[in-house]
Amino acid sequence: MVAGYHANIIAHAVCAQGPRCSIRTQNMYSDAVPDYLRMLALNVPAALLVLGFVFAIDDITGFEITEAIELPPPYGPLLL
């Protein structure tokens, strides 16, 4: 029974992490750590998609967005 329980925890590693409460002492424990590689893997495709979308809109409009951003300060950065 214990071996099956251990295999179940390994198969669901995400569920094994996080805050837990001790009923007896009423203390909260946490062993969760940020997974920076997973966060990077989730954010890079989304960032590339947004940049691609902005570039496509900029290309369709004849690069008018780029020209607006390249205005002399303070007007160009204010448009961002």
C-alpha atoms as a PDB file:
ATOM      1  CA  MET A   1       0.000   0.000   0.000  1.00  0.00           C
ATOM      2  CA  VAL A   2       2.801   2.435   0.837  1.00  0.00           C
ATOM      3  CA  ALA A   3       4.633   1.758  -2.445  1.00  0.00           C
ATOM      4  CA  GLY A   4       1.494   2.543  -4.436  1.00  0.00           C
ATOM      5  CA  TYR A   5       0.988   5.738  -2.462  1.00  0.00           C
ATOM      6  CA  HIS A   6       4.596   6.773  -3.108  1.00  0.00           C
ATOM      7  CA  ALA A   7       4.221   6.130  -6.849  1.00  0.00           C
ATOM      8  CA  ASN A   8       1.030   8.177  -6.873  1.00  0.00           C
ATOM      9  CA  ILE A   9       2.819  11.157  -5.306  1.00  0.00           C
ATOM     10  CA  ILE A  10       5.648  10.938  -7.831  1.00  0.00           C
ATOM     11  CA  ALA A  11       3.187  10.767 -10.724  1.00  0.00           C
ATOM     12  CA  HIS A  12       1.429  13.891  -9.425  1.00  0.00           C
ATOM     13  CA  ALA A  13       4.406  16.008  -8.366  1.00  0.00           C
ATOM     14  CA  VAL A  14       2.473  19.228  -8.841  1.00  0.00           C
ATOM     15  CA  CYS A  15      -0.143  18.143  -6.297  1.00  0.00           C
ATOM     16  CA  ALA A  16       2.551  17.102  -3.817  1.00  0.00           C
ATOM     17  CA  GLN A  17       3.893  20.652  -3.598  1.00  0.00           C
ATOM     18  CA  GLY A  18       2.281  23.590  -1.931  1.00  0.00           C
ATOM     19  CA  PRO A  19       1.114  24.622   1.505  1.00  0.00           C
ATOM     20  CA  ARG A  20       0.024  22.038   4.051  1.00  0.00           C
ATOM     21  CA  CYS A  21      -1.429  22.394   7.521  1.00  0.00           C
ATOM     22  CA  SER A  22      -0.631  20.323  10.569  1.00  0.00           C
ATOM     23  CA  ILE A  23      -3.897  19.499  12.312  1.00  0.00           C
ATOM     24  CA  ARG A  24      -2.197  18.802  15.629  1.00  0.00           C
ATOM     25  CA  THR A  25      -0.009  21.943  15.885  1.00  0.00           C
ATOM     26  CA  GLN A  26      -2.052  24.110  13.494  1.00  0.00           C
ATOM     27  CA  ASN A  27       1.146  25.246  11.751  1.00  0.00           C
ATOM     28  CA  MET A  28       1.396  25.775   8.021  1.00  0.00           C
ATOM     29  CA  TYR A  29       4.287  24.308   6.016  1.00  0.00           C
ATOM     30  CA  SER A  30       5.266  24.876   2.421  1.00  0.00           C
ATOM     31  CA  ASP A  31       7.895  23.236   0.219  1.00  0.00           C
ATOM     32  CA  ALA A  32       6.894  24.894  -3.069  1.00  0.00           C
ATOM     33  CA  VAL A  33       9.688  26.524  -5.042  1.00  0.00           C
ATOM     34  CA  PRO A  34       9.356  28.558  -8.241  1.00  0.00           C
ATOM     35  CA  ASP A  35      10.236  26.635 -11.391  1.00  0.00           C
ATOM     36  CA  TYR A  36      11.903  29.303 -13.517  1.00  0.00           C
ATOM     37  CA  LEU A  37      12.447  27.014 -16.507  1.00  0.00           C
ATOM     38  CA  ARG A  38       8.734  26.183 -16.648  1.00  0.00           C
ATOM     39  CA  MET A  39       7.802  29.867 -16.305  1.00  0.00           C
ATOM     40  CA  LEU A  40      10.176  30.704 -19.166  1.00  0.00           C
ATOM     41  CA  ALA A  41       8.740  27.915 -21.304  1.00  0.00           C
ATOM     42  CA  LEU A  42       5.222  29.286 -20.727  1.00  0.00           C
ATOM     43  CA  ASN A  43       6.049  32.965 -21.273  1.00  0.00           C
ATOM     44  CA  VAL A  44       8.337  32.857 -24.334  1.00  0.00           C
ATOM     45  CA  PRO A  45       5.741  31.510 -26.803  1.00  0.00           C
ATOM     46  CA  ALA A  46       3.173  34.047 -25.593  1.00  0.00           C
ATOM     47  CA  ALA A  47       5.651  36.920 -25.903  1.00  0.00           C
ATOM     48  CA  LEU A  48       6.653  35.808 -29.405  1.00  0.00           C
ATOM     49  CA  LEU A  49       2.999  35.547 -30.398  1.00  0.00           C
ATOM     50  CA  VAL A  50       2.251  39.084 -29.197  1.00  0.00           C
ATOM     51  CA  LEU A  51       5.360  40.493 -30.883  1.00  0.00           C
ATOM     52  CA  GLY A  52       4.450  38.694 -34.103  1.00  0.00           C
ATOM     53  CA  PHE A  53       0.921  40.081 -33.932  1.00  0.00           C
ATOM     54  CA  VAL A  54       2.195  43.639 -33.363  1.00  0.00           C
ATOM     55  CA  PHE A  55       4.663  43.284 -36.238  1.00  0.00           C
ATOM     56  CA  ALA A  56       1.913  41.930 -38.520  1.00  0.00           C
ATOM     57  CA  ILE A  57      -0.372  44.873 -37.688  1.00  0.00           C
ATOM     58  CA  ASP A  58       2.567  47.237 -38.193  1.00  0.00           C
ATOM     59  CA  ASP A  59       3.317  45.630 -41.575  1.00  0.00           C
ATOM     60  CA  ILE A  60      -0.333  45.815 -42.680  1.00  0.00           C
ATOM     61  CA  THR A  61      -0.522  49.524 -41.797  1.00  0.00           C
ATOM     62  CA  GLY A  62       2.668  50.299 -43.728  1.00  0.00           C
ATOM     63  CA  PHE A  63       4.890  50.663 -40.652  1.00  0.00           C
ATOM     64  CA  GLU A  64       2.989  53.697 -39.378  1.00  0.00           C
ATOM     65  CA  ILE A  65       3.314  52.420 -35.796  1.00  0.00           C
ATOM     66  CA  THR A  66       7.103  52.289 -36.157  1.00  0.00           C
ATOM     67  CA  GLU A  67       7.169  55.826 -37.508  1.00  0.00           C
ATOM     68  CA  ALA A  68       5.045  57.046 -34.579  1.00  0.00           C
ATOM     69  CA  ILE A  69       7.364  55.414 -32.054  1.00  0.00           C
ATOM     70  CA  GLU A  70      10.412  56.948 -33.749  1.00  0.00           C
ATOM     71  CA  LEU A  71       9.130  60.478 -33.160  1.00  0.00           C
ATOM     72  CA  PRO A  72      11.551  62.716 -31.252  1.00  0.00           C
ATOM     73  CA  PRO A  73      11.265  62.688 -27.453  1.00  0.00           C
ATOM     74  CA  PRO A  74       8.949  63.081 -25.556  1.00  0.00           C
ATOM     75  CA  TYR A  75       6.281  62.153 -28.130  1.00  0.00           C
ATOM     76  CA  GLY A  76       7.599  58.736 -29.266  1.00  0.00           C
ATOM     77  CA  PRO A  77       7.960  57.114 -25.795  1.00  0.00           C
ATOM     78  CA  LEU A  78       4.588  58.539 -24.716  1.00  0.00           C
ATOM     79  CA  LEU A  79       2.851  56.545 -27.465  1.00  0.00           C
ATOM     80  CA  LEU A  80       4.198  53.294 -26.053  1.00  0.00           C
END
